[in-house]
Every structure is written in structure tokens, then in C-alpha cells.
Amino acid sequence: MVGLHNLAPVTAAGSGNFLVQPGIGVMIWTLIAFGVSLLILRKLAFPRIAEALDKRRRAIAESIDSAERTRVEADRLLQEYRERLREAREQADDIIGRARKASDRVQEDAKVEANQKREELMEQTRRDIEQETRRAIEQIRREVADLTVIATEKVTRKSLDDEDHRRLIEEALSEFDFAALPGGSESSGGGNGDRS
């Protein structure tokens, strides 16, 4: 009786704390509930979870592939941009070079043309000066001849004939130094016969 008496309080105390001393029936029902839950999860939830994870994995892989393709495309575009930029620089350098050559050519042509014009103007001016000098010497010869005739008439107080006029003019002209006048050396030689 001592043994039964000792069991009674344990049963009363055990019914309040079943987790410490679980019963076989509860354990079996818990295992059955766990197994059913596991089967339901395996049939319904796990395939969906696996499918969602697979989709996620594929999406990540596609994103990585897309990022790689984008990076390759960006590298290709960058290379193409650099190539075009290099070509544009070469073309710009070529255009600048051609413009400089054209400018130098125009400048050289302008210098040559200006030199030609200057030479033409100087030659024309020389011709004009020589012509004016000859005209002035001719005028001076005429005036010297006229003055010689007038002076001779006053000195001799008589009128001279044409032969005397010519002789006096030639004497006066031969005594006058036309070489001292600018340009006179060119025309002094043939000047004696001008009034004849």
C-alpha cells in the first residue's frame, strides 16, 4: 500500500506537468500531426517555395546576364566613341592644316601681287619722272634758245636772220651743261639738232 499511496500524488502532480513527463498518446498524435503537416507542406508549399526560389534564381541569373551584356555593350560603345573622337580629332587637325596652308598660300600670293603692283607703280613713276624730266629739259632748251636770241639782238642791236639764230642757239646749247640736270645725260646728246 505504501507503493500505491506514493503513486497517487505523482499521478495528480503528473497531470499538471505533462511536458516533463509526456504521454505516449500525445507523442503519437504529435508525430501524426507533424507527419500530416509535412506531407501537406511537401505536396503544396514546398513545390511553390522551390518554384519561387527557382524563379528568383533565374531572375538573378538573367539580371547578371543582362548586366554583363549591358557592360559589354557599354564597352563597345565606349570604344566606338573613342574611335570616332580620334577620327574627329584627326579630321579637325587635317582641316586646320589645310586652312593654314591655304592661308599661307593666300598670304604669299598677296605678297607677290603687292610686290608686282609696287614694281609696276615704281616703273610707271620712273617713266613719268623721265618723261617730265625730258619735257622740262626741252622747255629749258627752248627758253635758253629764246633768251639767247633776245640777248643777242639786244647786244648787237640788229635783227638776226635764221642762219644767225641757228648758230647762236647751237653755241648756247653746247655751252649749257644739261648733264647736270636730272635725266639730262640721256637727252643732251641729241638735243642740238632739235631746233634746227
N, C-alpha and C. Protein backbone atom coordinates (compact mmCIF):
# COMPACT_ATOMS: atom_id res chain seq x y z
N MET A 1 0.80 -1.17 0.00
CA MET A 1 0.00 0.00 0.00
C MET A 1 0.84 1.23 0.00
N VAL A 2 1.94 1.04 0.52
CA VAL A 2 2.84 2.20 0.55
C VAL A 2 3.14 2.59 -0.88
N GLY A 3 3.31 1.65 -1.79
CA GLY A 3 3.62 1.93 -3.19
C GLY A 3 2.47 2.60 -3.90
N LEU A 4 1.23 2.19 -3.58
CA LEU A 4 0.10 2.82 -4.25
C LEU A 4 -0.10 4.22 -3.75
N HIS A 5 0.13 4.34 -2.52
CA HIS A 5 -0.07 5.64 -1.93
C HIS A 5 0.91 6.64 -2.52
N ASN A 6 2.06 6.17 -2.78
CA ASN A 6 3.09 7.04 -3.37
C ASN A 6 2.77 7.35 -4.83
N LEU A 7 2.08 6.55 -5.53
CA LEU A 7 1.78 6.78 -6.93
C LEU A 7 0.65 7.79 -7.11
N ALA A 8 -0.23 7.82 -6.16
CA ALA A 8 -1.37 8.71 -6.31
C ALA A 8 -0.95 10.16 -6.41
N PRO A 9 -0.11 10.63 -5.55
CA PRO A 9 0.27 12.03 -5.67
C PRO A 9 1.06 12.27 -6.94
N VAL A 10 1.79 11.33 -7.41
CA VAL A 10 2.58 11.50 -8.64
C VAL A 10 1.63 11.66 -9.80
N THR A 11 0.55 10.88 -9.83
CA THR A 11 -0.40 10.99 -10.92
C THR A 11 -1.07 12.33 -10.88
N ALA A 12 -1.41 12.77 -9.68
CA ALA A 12 -2.06 14.07 -9.58
C ALA A 12 -1.09 15.15 -9.96
N ALA A 13 0.14 15.00 -9.52
CA ALA A 13 1.14 16.01 -9.86
C ALA A 13 1.52 15.91 -11.33
N GLY A 14 1.55 14.71 -11.92
CA GLY A 14 1.95 14.49 -13.31
C GLY A 14 0.92 15.02 -14.28
N SER A 15 -0.33 15.02 -13.87
CA SER A 15 -1.33 15.50 -14.82
C SER A 15 -1.19 17.01 -15.04
N GLY A 16 -0.61 17.73 -14.14
CA GLY A 16 -0.43 19.17 -14.30
C GLY A 16 0.81 19.50 -15.10
N ASN A 17 1.76 18.61 -15.19
CA ASN A 17 3.02 18.90 -15.86
C ASN A 17 3.30 17.82 -16.88
N PHE A 18 2.59 17.78 -17.96
CA PHE A 18 2.71 16.68 -18.91
C PHE A 18 3.92 16.84 -19.82
N LEU A 19 4.53 18.04 -19.93
CA LEU A 19 5.70 18.23 -20.77
C LEU A 19 6.93 17.59 -20.16
N VAL A 20 6.95 17.59 -18.88
CA VAL A 20 8.08 16.97 -18.22
C VAL A 20 7.97 15.46 -18.36
N GLN A 21 6.77 14.97 -18.28
CA GLN A 21 6.55 13.53 -18.44
C GLN A 21 5.49 13.35 -19.51
N PRO A 22 5.87 13.43 -20.79
CA PRO A 22 4.87 13.33 -21.84
C PRO A 22 4.26 11.96 -21.91
N GLY A 23 3.03 11.95 -22.35
CA GLY A 23 2.35 10.68 -22.51
C GLY A 23 2.58 10.14 -23.92
N ILE A 24 2.52 8.87 -24.09
CA ILE A 24 2.75 8.20 -25.35
C ILE A 24 1.68 8.61 -26.34
N GLY A 25 0.46 8.73 -25.91
CA GLY A 25 -0.63 9.08 -26.81
C GLY A 25 -0.45 10.47 -27.41
N VAL A 26 -0.02 11.41 -26.58
CA VAL A 26 0.20 12.79 -27.06
C VAL A 26 1.36 12.79 -28.04
N MET A 27 2.37 11.99 -27.71
CA MET A 27 3.52 11.92 -28.58
C MET A 27 3.13 11.35 -29.94
N ILE A 28 2.32 10.34 -29.95
CA ILE A 28 1.91 9.72 -31.20
C ILE A 28 1.08 10.71 -32.01
N TRP A 29 0.12 11.35 -31.33
CA TRP A 29 -0.70 12.32 -32.05
C TRP A 29 0.15 13.51 -32.55
N THR A 30 1.15 13.91 -31.85
CA THR A 30 2.03 15.00 -32.28
C THR A 30 2.82 14.56 -33.50
N LEU A 31 3.33 13.31 -33.47
CA LEU A 31 4.08 12.80 -34.62
C LEU A 31 3.17 12.68 -35.85
N ILE A 32 1.91 12.22 -35.63
CA ILE A 32 0.97 12.10 -36.74
C ILE A 32 0.67 13.48 -37.31
N ALA A 33 0.44 14.47 -36.42
CA ALA A 33 0.14 15.83 -36.89
C ALA A 33 1.36 16.40 -37.64
N PHE A 34 2.54 16.13 -37.12
CA PHE A 34 3.76 16.60 -37.77
C PHE A 34 3.93 15.96 -39.14
N GLY A 35 3.67 14.64 -39.23
CA GLY A 35 3.79 13.92 -40.49
C GLY A 35 2.79 14.43 -41.52
N VAL A 36 1.52 14.65 -41.06
CA VAL A 36 0.50 15.16 -41.97
C VAL A 36 0.89 16.56 -42.44
N SER A 37 1.36 17.38 -41.51
CA SER A 37 1.77 18.75 -41.87
C SER A 37 2.93 18.71 -42.86
N LEU A 38 3.85 17.79 -42.62
CA LEU A 38 5.00 17.66 -43.51
C LEU A 38 4.55 17.21 -44.91
N LEU A 39 3.61 16.25 -44.97
CA LEU A 39 3.09 15.80 -46.26
C LEU A 39 2.37 16.94 -46.98
N ILE A 40 1.55 17.68 -46.24
CA ILE A 40 0.81 18.80 -46.85
C ILE A 40 1.81 19.85 -47.37
N LEU A 41 2.80 20.14 -46.53
CA LEU A 41 3.82 21.12 -46.95
C LEU A 41 4.60 20.62 -48.17
N ARG A 42 4.92 19.29 -48.16
CA ARG A 42 5.67 18.72 -49.27
C ARG A 42 4.84 18.76 -50.55
N LYS A 43 3.55 18.49 -50.48
CA LYS A 43 2.68 18.46 -51.66
C LYS A 43 2.32 19.88 -52.14
N LEU A 44 2.06 20.79 -51.21
CA LEU A 44 1.55 22.10 -51.60
C LEU A 44 2.58 23.22 -51.47
N ALA A 45 3.22 23.35 -50.35
CA ALA A 45 4.05 24.52 -50.09
C ALA A 45 5.46 24.39 -50.68
N PHE A 46 6.09 23.23 -50.47
CA PHE A 46 7.48 23.09 -50.91
C PHE A 46 7.65 23.29 -52.42
N PRO A 47 6.74 22.71 -53.26
CA PRO A 47 6.91 22.96 -54.70
C PRO A 47 6.80 24.45 -55.03
N ARG A 48 5.86 25.13 -54.36
CA ARG A 48 5.72 26.58 -54.63
C ARG A 48 6.94 27.34 -54.14
N ILE A 49 7.44 26.97 -52.99
CA ILE A 49 8.64 27.62 -52.46
C ILE A 49 9.82 27.34 -53.40
N ALA A 50 9.95 26.06 -53.82
CA ALA A 50 11.03 25.71 -54.73
C ALA A 50 10.88 26.45 -56.05
N GLU A 51 9.63 26.55 -56.54
CA GLU A 51 9.38 27.28 -57.78
C GLU A 51 9.72 28.75 -57.62
N ALA A 52 9.33 29.33 -56.48
CA ALA A 52 9.64 30.75 -56.23
C ALA A 52 11.15 30.95 -56.13
N LEU A 53 11.83 30.03 -55.45
CA LEU A 53 13.28 30.15 -55.35
C LEU A 53 13.95 29.96 -56.71
N ASP A 54 13.40 29.02 -57.52
CA ASP A 54 13.95 28.81 -58.85
C ASP A 54 13.74 30.05 -59.73
N LYS A 55 12.52 30.63 -59.62
CA LYS A 55 12.26 31.86 -60.38
C LYS A 55 13.21 32.97 -59.95
N ARG A 56 13.40 33.05 -58.66
CA ARG A 56 14.30 34.08 -58.12
C ARG A 56 15.72 33.84 -58.63
N ARG A 57 16.15 32.56 -58.61
CA ARG A 57 17.48 32.22 -59.10
C ARG A 57 17.62 32.57 -60.58
N ARG A 58 16.56 32.22 -61.40
CA ARG A 58 16.59 32.54 -62.81
C ARG A 58 16.61 34.06 -63.05
N ALA A 59 15.80 34.77 -62.25
CA ALA A 59 15.75 36.24 -62.38
C ALA A 59 17.12 36.84 -62.06
N ILE A 60 17.76 36.32 -61.02
CA ILE A 60 19.09 36.83 -60.65
C ILE A 60 20.09 36.51 -61.77
N ALA A 61 20.01 35.27 -62.30
CA ALA A 61 20.91 34.87 -63.39
C ALA A 61 20.68 35.73 -64.62
N GLU A 62 19.39 35.98 -64.94
CA GLU A 62 19.07 36.84 -66.09
C GLU A 62 19.57 38.26 -65.84
N SER A 63 19.42 38.76 -64.61
CA SER A 63 19.91 40.10 -64.29
C SER A 63 21.42 40.18 -64.44
N ILE A 64 22.10 39.12 -63.99
CA ILE A 64 23.56 39.09 -64.14
C ILE A 64 23.94 39.04 -65.61
N ASP A 65 23.21 38.18 -66.40
CA ASP A 65 23.49 38.11 -67.84
C ASP A 65 23.20 39.45 -68.52
N SER A 66 22.08 40.06 -68.13
CA SER A 66 21.72 41.35 -68.71
C SER A 66 22.76 42.41 -68.35
N ALA A 67 23.20 42.39 -67.09
CA ALA A 67 24.22 43.35 -66.67
C ALA A 67 25.52 43.11 -67.44
N GLU A 68 25.85 41.84 -67.67
CA GLU A 68 27.07 41.53 -68.43
C GLU A 68 26.94 42.00 -69.88
N ARG A 69 25.74 41.73 -70.48
CA ARG A 69 25.52 42.20 -71.85
C ARG A 69 25.57 43.73 -71.91
N THR A 70 24.97 44.37 -70.92
CA THR A 70 24.99 45.84 -70.87
C THR A 70 26.42 46.36 -70.74
N ARG A 71 27.21 45.68 -69.89
CA ARG A 71 28.60 46.09 -69.71
C ARG A 71 29.40 45.92 -71.00
N VAL A 72 29.17 44.79 -71.69
CA VAL A 72 29.86 44.55 -72.96
C VAL A 72 29.44 45.59 -73.99
N GLU A 73 28.14 45.88 -74.04
CA GLU A 73 27.63 46.89 -74.98
C GLU A 73 28.21 48.27 -74.64
N ALA A 74 28.25 48.58 -73.34
CA ALA A 74 28.82 49.86 -72.91
C ALA A 74 30.29 49.95 -73.29
N ASP A 75 31.03 48.85 -73.11
CA ASP A 75 32.44 48.83 -73.51
C ASP A 75 32.58 49.03 -75.02
N ARG A 76 31.70 48.35 -75.78
CA ARG A 76 31.75 48.50 -77.24
C ARG A 76 31.43 49.94 -77.64
N LEU A 77 30.39 50.53 -77.02
CA LEU A 77 30.02 51.91 -77.34
C LEU A 77 31.13 52.88 -76.94
N LEU A 78 31.76 52.62 -75.80
CA LEU A 78 32.86 53.46 -75.37
C LEU A 78 34.03 53.38 -76.35
N GLN A 79 34.33 52.18 -76.80
CA GLN A 79 35.40 52.01 -77.78
C GLN A 79 35.05 52.71 -79.08
N GLU A 80 33.78 52.55 -79.50
CA GLU A 80 33.33 53.21 -80.73
C GLU A 80 33.39 54.73 -80.57
N TYR A 81 32.97 55.22 -79.41
CA TYR A 81 33.03 56.67 -79.13
C TYR A 81 34.48 57.16 -79.18
N ARG A 82 35.39 56.41 -78.57
CA ARG A 82 36.80 56.80 -78.59
C ARG A 82 37.35 56.82 -80.02
N GLU A 83 36.94 55.83 -80.80
CA GLU A 83 37.40 55.76 -82.19
C GLU A 83 36.88 56.95 -82.99
N ARG A 84 35.60 57.27 -82.81
CA ARG A 84 35.03 58.42 -83.52
C ARG A 84 35.66 59.72 -83.06
N LEU A 85 35.92 59.81 -81.76
CA LEU A 85 36.57 61.01 -81.23
C LEU A 85 37.96 61.15 -81.83
N ARG A 86 38.68 60.04 -81.94
CA ARG A 86 40.02 60.08 -82.55
C ARG A 86 39.93 60.51 -84.01
N GLU A 87 38.94 59.94 -84.74
CA GLU A 87 38.76 60.33 -86.14
C GLU A 87 38.39 61.81 -86.26
N ALA A 88 37.52 62.27 -85.35
CA ALA A 88 37.12 63.68 -85.38
C ALA A 88 38.33 64.58 -85.12
N ARG A 89 39.18 64.17 -84.19
CA ARG A 89 40.39 64.96 -83.92
C ARG A 89 41.31 64.97 -85.13
N GLU A 90 41.46 63.80 -85.77
CA GLU A 90 42.31 63.74 -86.96
C GLU A 90 41.74 64.63 -88.07
N GLN A 91 40.41 64.58 -88.25
CA GLN A 91 39.79 65.42 -89.27
C GLN A 91 39.97 66.90 -88.93
N ALA A 92 39.80 67.23 -87.65
CA ALA A 92 39.97 68.63 -87.24
C ALA A 92 41.41 69.08 -87.48
N ASP A 93 42.38 68.23 -87.14
CA ASP A 93 43.78 68.56 -87.39
C ASP A 93 44.04 68.72 -88.89
N ASP A 94 43.43 67.84 -89.69
CA ASP A 94 43.60 67.93 -91.14
C ASP A 94 43.00 69.23 -91.68
N ILE A 95 41.80 69.56 -91.19
CA ILE A 95 41.15 70.80 -91.64
C ILE A 95 41.98 72.01 -91.24
N ILE A 96 42.49 72.00 -90.01
CA ILE A 96 43.32 73.12 -89.55
C ILE A 96 44.59 73.21 -90.39
N GLY A 97 45.20 72.06 -90.69
CA GLY A 97 46.40 72.07 -91.52
C GLY A 97 46.12 72.63 -92.91
N ARG A 98 45.02 72.17 -93.51
CA ARG A 98 44.68 72.67 -94.84
C ARG A 98 44.37 74.16 -94.80
N ALA A 99 43.67 74.61 -93.74
CA ALA A 99 43.35 76.03 -93.61
C ALA A 99 44.62 76.86 -93.46
N ARG A 100 45.58 76.34 -92.69
CA ARG A 100 46.86 77.06 -92.55
C ARG A 100 47.59 77.14 -93.88
N LYS A 101 47.61 76.01 -94.61
CA LYS A 101 48.29 76.01 -95.90
C LYS A 101 47.61 77.00 -96.86
N ALA A 102 46.27 76.98 -96.86
CA ALA A 102 45.55 77.91 -97.73
C ALA A 102 45.82 79.35 -97.33
N SER A 103 45.85 79.60 -96.03
CA SER A 103 46.13 80.95 -95.54
C SER A 103 47.54 81.38 -95.94
N ASP A 104 48.51 80.48 -95.77
CA ASP A 104 49.88 80.79 -96.17
C ASP A 104 49.96 81.06 -97.67
N ARG A 105 49.24 80.23 -98.44
CA ARG A 105 49.24 80.40 -99.89
C ARG A 105 48.62 81.75 -100.28
N VAL A 106 47.49 82.08 -99.65
CA VAL A 106 46.83 83.36 -99.95
C VAL A 106 47.74 84.52 -99.55
N GLN A 107 48.37 84.38 -98.39
CA GLN A 107 49.27 85.43 -97.91
C GLN A 107 50.46 85.60 -98.85
N GLU A 108 51.01 84.47 -99.30
CA GLU A 108 52.14 84.53 -100.23
C GLU A 108 51.71 85.13 -101.55
N ASP A 109 50.53 84.72 -102.05
CA ASP A 109 50.01 85.30 -103.30
C ASP A 109 49.80 86.80 -103.16
N ALA A 110 49.27 87.21 -101.97
CA ALA A 110 49.04 88.64 -101.74
C ALA A 110 50.37 89.40 -101.72
N LYS A 111 51.41 88.79 -101.12
CA LYS A 111 52.72 89.44 -101.10
C LYS A 111 53.28 89.59 -102.52
N VAL A 112 53.18 88.49 -103.29
CA VAL A 112 53.69 88.53 -104.66
C VAL A 112 52.93 89.57 -105.47
N GLU A 113 51.62 89.59 -105.33
CA GLU A 113 50.81 90.56 -106.07
C GLU A 113 51.14 91.98 -105.64
N ALA A 114 51.31 92.18 -104.32
CA ALA A 114 51.65 93.52 -103.83
C ALA A 114 53.02 93.94 -104.35
N ASN A 115 53.99 93.00 -104.37
CA ASN A 115 55.31 93.33 -104.92
C ASN A 115 55.23 93.67 -106.40
N GLN A 116 54.42 92.91 -107.14
CA GLN A 116 54.27 93.20 -108.57
C GLN A 116 53.65 94.58 -108.78
N LYS A 117 52.61 94.88 -108.00
CA LYS A 117 51.95 96.19 -108.13
C LYS A 117 52.92 97.31 -107.78
N ARG A 118 53.70 97.09 -106.71
CA ARG A 118 54.67 98.09 -106.30
C ARG A 118 55.71 98.31 -107.39
N GLU A 119 56.21 97.19 -107.97
CA GLU A 119 57.19 97.31 -109.05
C GLU A 119 56.58 98.03 -110.25
N GLU A 120 55.33 97.68 -110.59
CA GLU A 120 54.67 98.35 -111.72
C GLU A 120 54.51 99.84 -111.45
N LEU A 121 54.08 100.17 -110.20
CA LEU A 121 53.91 101.58 -109.85
C LEU A 121 55.25 102.31 -109.88
N MET A 122 56.31 101.66 -109.37
CA MET A 122 57.62 102.30 -109.38
C MET A 122 58.12 102.50 -110.81
N GLU A 123 57.89 101.50 -111.65
CA GLU A 123 58.30 101.62 -113.05
C GLU A 123 57.53 102.73 -113.75
N GLN A 124 56.22 102.78 -113.49
CA GLN A 124 55.40 103.84 -114.08
C GLN A 124 55.85 105.21 -113.58
N THR A 125 56.16 105.26 -112.26
CA THR A 125 56.63 106.54 -111.70
C THR A 125 57.97 106.93 -112.33
N ARG A 126 58.88 105.97 -112.52
CA ARG A 126 60.17 106.26 -113.18
C ARG A 126 59.94 106.80 -114.59
N ARG A 127 59.03 106.10 -115.32
CA ARG A 127 58.75 106.56 -116.68
C ARG A 127 58.17 107.97 -116.68
N ASP A 128 57.24 108.22 -115.73
CA ASP A 128 56.64 109.56 -115.65
C ASP A 128 57.68 110.62 -115.31
N ILE A 129 58.58 110.26 -114.35
CA ILE A 129 59.63 111.21 -113.97
C ILE A 129 60.57 111.48 -115.14
N GLU A 130 60.95 110.42 -115.85
CA GLU A 130 61.84 110.61 -117.01
C GLU A 130 61.16 111.44 -118.09
N GLN A 131 59.87 111.16 -118.30
CA GLN A 131 59.14 111.92 -119.32
C GLN A 131 59.04 113.39 -118.92
N GLU A 132 58.72 113.64 -117.65
CA GLU A 132 58.62 115.02 -117.18
C GLU A 132 59.99 115.70 -117.23
N THR A 133 61.05 114.92 -116.90
CA THR A 133 62.40 115.49 -116.95
C THR A 133 62.77 115.87 -118.38
N ARG A 134 62.48 115.00 -119.34
CA ARG A 134 62.76 115.32 -120.75
C ARG A 134 61.96 116.54 -121.21
N ARG A 135 60.69 116.57 -120.77
CA ARG A 135 59.84 117.70 -121.14
C ARG A 135 60.39 118.99 -120.55
N ALA A 136 60.85 118.90 -119.25
CA ALA A 136 61.40 120.10 -118.61
C ALA A 136 62.70 120.53 -119.28
N ILE A 137 63.56 119.57 -119.63
CA ILE A 137 64.82 119.91 -120.31
C ILE A 137 64.53 120.53 -121.67
N GLU A 138 63.58 119.99 -122.35
CA GLU A 138 63.19 120.54 -123.67
C GLU A 138 62.68 121.96 -123.51
N GLN A 139 61.89 122.18 -122.46
CA GLN A 139 61.37 123.53 -122.19
C GLN A 139 62.51 124.48 -121.86
N ILE A 140 63.45 123.96 -121.03
CA ILE A 140 64.61 124.81 -120.67
C ILE A 140 65.42 125.13 -121.93
N ARG A 141 65.61 124.19 -122.82
CA ARG A 141 66.36 124.43 -124.06
C ARG A 141 65.68 125.51 -124.89
N ARG A 142 64.37 125.40 -124.98
CA ARG A 142 63.64 126.42 -125.76
C ARG A 142 63.81 127.80 -125.15
N GLU A 143 63.67 127.83 -123.82
CA GLU A 143 63.79 129.13 -123.13
C GLU A 143 65.21 129.68 -123.24
N VAL A 144 66.21 128.80 -123.12
CA VAL A 144 67.61 129.25 -123.29
C VAL A 144 67.81 129.76 -124.70
N ALA A 145 67.27 129.06 -125.67
CA ALA A 145 67.41 129.49 -127.06
C ALA A 145 66.74 130.84 -127.28
N ASP A 146 65.53 131.00 -126.74
CA ASP A 146 64.81 132.27 -126.91
C ASP A 146 65.55 133.39 -126.21
N LEU A 147 66.05 133.10 -124.98
CA LEU A 147 66.79 134.14 -124.25
C LEU A 147 68.09 134.49 -124.98
N THR A 148 68.71 133.50 -125.56
CA THR A 148 69.95 133.75 -126.30
C THR A 148 69.67 134.66 -127.50
N VAL A 149 68.60 134.39 -128.19
CA VAL A 149 68.24 135.21 -129.35
C VAL A 149 67.94 136.63 -128.91
N ILE A 150 67.18 136.78 -127.85
CA ILE A 150 66.80 138.11 -127.36
C ILE A 150 68.04 138.85 -126.89
N ALA A 151 68.88 138.13 -126.13
CA ALA A 151 70.09 138.78 -125.63
C ALA A 151 71.02 139.18 -126.78
N THR A 152 71.13 138.35 -127.75
CA THR A 152 72.00 138.65 -128.89
C THR A 152 71.47 139.84 -129.66
N GLU A 153 70.18 139.92 -129.87
CA GLU A 153 69.59 141.05 -130.58
C GLU A 153 69.82 142.34 -129.81
N LYS A 154 69.74 142.26 -128.50
CA LYS A 154 69.95 143.47 -127.71
C LYS A 154 71.42 143.88 -127.76
N VAL A 155 72.28 142.88 -127.70
CA VAL A 155 73.72 143.20 -127.73
C VAL A 155 74.11 143.76 -129.10
N THR A 156 73.68 143.16 -130.13
CA THR A 156 74.08 143.59 -131.48
C THR A 156 73.17 144.66 -132.02
N ARG A 157 72.05 144.86 -131.41
CA ARG A 157 71.05 145.85 -131.78
C ARG A 157 70.65 145.71 -133.24
N LYS A 158 70.61 144.58 -133.68
CA LYS A 158 70.14 144.34 -135.03
C LYS A 158 69.35 143.04 -135.05
N SER A 159 68.61 142.85 -136.03
CA SER A 159 67.82 141.66 -136.19
C SER A 159 68.66 140.62 -136.91
N LEU A 160 68.59 139.39 -136.37
CA LEU A 160 69.37 138.32 -136.96
C LEU A 160 68.51 137.51 -137.91
N ASP A 161 69.19 136.97 -138.91
CA ASP A 161 68.45 136.10 -139.82
C ASP A 161 68.40 134.67 -139.24
N ASP A 162 67.76 133.79 -139.96
CA ASP A 162 67.58 132.41 -139.48
C ASP A 162 68.91 131.69 -139.28
N GLU A 163 69.86 131.94 -140.16
CA GLU A 163 71.16 131.27 -140.05
C GLU A 163 71.88 131.73 -138.80
N ASP A 164 71.83 133.00 -138.46
CA ASP A 164 72.46 133.53 -137.24
C ASP A 164 71.76 132.95 -136.00
N HIS A 165 70.44 132.88 -136.09
CA HIS A 165 69.66 132.30 -134.96
C HIS A 165 70.12 130.88 -134.66
N ARG A 166 70.23 130.12 -135.70
CA ARG A 166 70.62 128.72 -135.51
C ARG A 166 72.02 128.59 -134.93
N ARG A 167 72.93 129.36 -135.46
CA ARG A 167 74.31 129.29 -135.00
C ARG A 167 74.39 129.70 -133.54
N LEU A 168 73.73 130.74 -133.14
CA LEU A 168 73.76 131.22 -131.75
C LEU A 168 73.11 130.21 -130.80
N ILE A 169 72.02 129.64 -131.24
CA ILE A 169 71.31 128.65 -130.39
C ILE A 169 72.19 127.44 -130.17
N GLU A 170 72.85 126.99 -131.24
CA GLU A 170 73.72 125.82 -131.10
C GLU A 170 74.90 126.13 -130.21
N GLU A 171 75.45 127.31 -130.30
CA GLU A 171 76.57 127.69 -129.43
C GLU A 171 76.12 127.74 -127.97
N ALA A 172 74.93 128.30 -127.74
CA ALA A 172 74.43 128.42 -126.36
C ALA A 172 74.12 127.04 -125.77
N LEU A 173 73.55 126.22 -126.61
CA LEU A 173 73.21 124.88 -126.12
C LEU A 173 74.45 124.05 -125.87
N SER A 174 75.47 124.23 -126.68
CA SER A 174 76.69 123.45 -126.46
C SER A 174 77.42 123.92 -125.21
N GLU A 175 77.27 125.19 -124.85
CA GLU A 175 77.92 125.70 -123.64
C GLU A 175 77.14 125.33 -122.37
N PHE A 176 75.83 125.14 -122.49
CA PHE A 176 75.00 124.80 -121.31
C PHE A 176 75.18 123.33 -120.95
N ASP A 177 75.36 123.04 -119.64
CA ASP A 177 75.62 121.67 -119.15
C ASP A 177 74.28 121.01 -118.78
N PHE A 178 73.69 120.31 -119.76
CA PHE A 178 72.44 119.60 -119.49
C PHE A 178 72.66 118.34 -118.67
N ALA A 179 73.86 117.85 -118.60
CA ALA A 179 74.16 116.63 -117.82
C ALA A 179 73.99 116.89 -116.33
N ALA A 180 74.09 118.15 -115.94
CA ALA A 180 73.94 118.48 -114.52
C ALA A 180 72.48 118.35 -114.09
N LEU A 181 71.55 118.45 -115.04
CA LEU A 181 70.13 118.30 -114.70
C LEU A 181 69.80 116.82 -114.57
N PRO A 182 68.81 116.47 -113.69
CA PRO A 182 68.45 115.06 -113.58
C PRO A 182 67.90 114.55 -114.89
N GLY A 183 68.46 113.43 -115.35
CA GLY A 183 67.99 112.83 -116.59
C GLY A 183 68.53 113.51 -117.81
N GLY A 184 69.39 114.50 -117.63
CA GLY A 184 69.89 115.27 -118.76
C GLY A 184 70.91 114.53 -119.57
N SER A 185 71.61 113.60 -118.97
CA SER A 185 72.66 112.89 -119.70
C SER A 185 72.06 112.03 -120.80
N GLU A 186 70.80 111.60 -120.65
CA GLU A 186 70.19 110.74 -121.64
C GLU A 186 69.79 111.53 -122.87
N SER A 187 69.36 112.78 -122.67
CA SER A 187 68.80 113.52 -123.80
C SER A 187 69.69 114.66 -124.26
N SER A 188 70.87 114.88 -123.63
CA SER A 188 71.70 116.01 -124.04
C SER A 188 72.41 115.79 -125.35
N GLY A 189 72.64 114.54 -125.66
CA GLY A 189 73.38 114.23 -126.87
C GLY A 189 72.61 114.58 -128.12
N GLY A 190 71.33 114.31 -128.17
CA GLY A 190 70.56 114.58 -129.38
C GLY A 190 69.84 115.89 -129.35
N GLY A 191 70.12 116.75 -128.37
CA GLY A 191 69.39 117.99 -128.22
C GLY A 191 69.80 119.07 -129.15
N ASN A 192 70.99 119.02 -129.74
CA ASN A 192 71.50 120.10 -130.57
C ASN A 192 70.72 120.23 -131.85
N GLY A 193 70.21 119.17 -132.35
CA GLY A 193 69.50 119.24 -133.63
C GLY A 193 68.02 119.42 -133.45
N ASP A 194 67.50 119.58 -132.24
CA ASP A 194 66.06 119.68 -132.05
C ASP A 194 65.48 120.95 -132.66
N ARG A 195 66.21 122.08 -132.56
CA ARG A 195 65.67 123.36 -133.04
C ARG A 195 66.03 123.62 -134.46
N SER A 196 66.73 122.77 -135.14
CA SER A 196 67.20 123.05 -136.49
C SER A 196 66.14 123.01 -137.51
